[in-house]
Protein backbone atom coordinates (compact mmCIF):
# COMPACT_ATOMS: atom_id res chain seq x y z
CA ALA A 1 87.66 93.31 89.84
CA PRO A 2 88.03 90.29 92.23
CA VAL A 3 84.98 88.30 92.78
CA PHE A 4 84.41 86.76 96.00
CA ALA A 5 83.19 82.81 96.18
CA GLU A 6 80.17 83.76 98.70
CA GLU A 7 77.91 87.04 98.44
CA ARG A 8 78.32 87.46 101.96
CA TYR A 9 80.42 85.97 104.67
CA SER A 10 79.00 85.16 108.08
CA ALA A 11 80.57 83.31 111.37
CA ARG A 12 79.46 82.85 114.87
CA LEU A 13 82.43 82.80 117.75
CA ALA A 14 82.12 81.27 121.34
CA GLU A 15 82.43 83.67 123.29
CA ASN A 16 85.92 82.47 124.95
CA ASN A 17 87.42 81.59 121.43
CA ALA A 18 91.36 80.71 121.75
CA ALA A 19 93.78 83.53 120.63
CA GLY A 20 94.83 82.53 117.02
CA ALA A 21 91.82 79.93 116.47
CA LEU A 22 90.77 79.95 112.75
CA VAL A 23 86.94 82.23 112.79
CA LEU A 24 86.18 82.15 108.85
CA THR A 25 87.78 81.64 105.22
CA VAL A 26 86.71 84.23 102.66
CA ARG A 27 87.93 83.07 98.93
CA ALA A 28 87.90 85.76 95.71
CA THR A 29 89.45 85.51 92.56
CA ASP A 30 90.43 87.59 89.79
CA ALA A 31 90.19 87.24 86.08
CA ASP A 32 93.19 88.87 85.29
CA TRP A 33 96.28 87.58 84.53
CA GLY A 34 100.01 87.28 86.50
CA GLN A 35 100.47 89.52 88.75
CA ASN A 36 97.08 91.40 88.42
CA ALA A 37 94.98 88.42 89.17
CA ARG A 38 96.66 88.50 92.54
CA VAL A 39 94.43 89.34 95.27
CA ARG A 40 95.15 90.40 98.47
CA TYR A 41 92.81 90.40 101.40
CA ARG A 42 92.73 93.36 104.19
CA LEU A 43 89.77 94.03 107.60
CA GLY A 44 87.91 96.90 107.26
CA GLU A 45 87.54 99.49 110.04
CA GLY A 46 85.05 98.83 112.10
CA ARG A 47 83.98 98.67 115.94
CA VAL A 48 82.67 96.20 118.11
CA ARG A 49 81.26 97.44 121.52
CA GLY A 50 83.76 100.31 120.72
CA ALA A 51 86.96 98.76 120.85
CA PRO A 52 88.31 98.73 117.25
CA LEU A 53 88.05 95.63 115.31
CA SER A 54 91.66 94.80 114.57
CA SER A 55 92.29 94.31 118.53
CA LEU A 56 90.13 91.30 117.87
CA VAL A 57 90.43 89.63 114.79
CA SER A 58 93.27 89.66 112.03
CA VAL A 59 93.05 88.79 108.27
CA GLN A 60 95.48 86.55 106.60
CA ALA A 61 96.69 89.03 103.33
CA GLU A 62 97.39 86.27 101.21
CA THR A 63 95.07 83.86 102.08
CA GLY A 64 91.51 85.24 103.06
């Protein structure tokens, strides 16, 4: 299974953060070889003040 570099990640944002601004980078590695070692990232479903989390932030699947 992939192992994250940190046990927990946290970020604080300015209220009027510019669209497209970097918020946080996460990193995970997998001890497998080749294609099986590939790690892809995605955002879990959640809500912030009633809005879907995915409407507020996005994740680069290849880089975290």
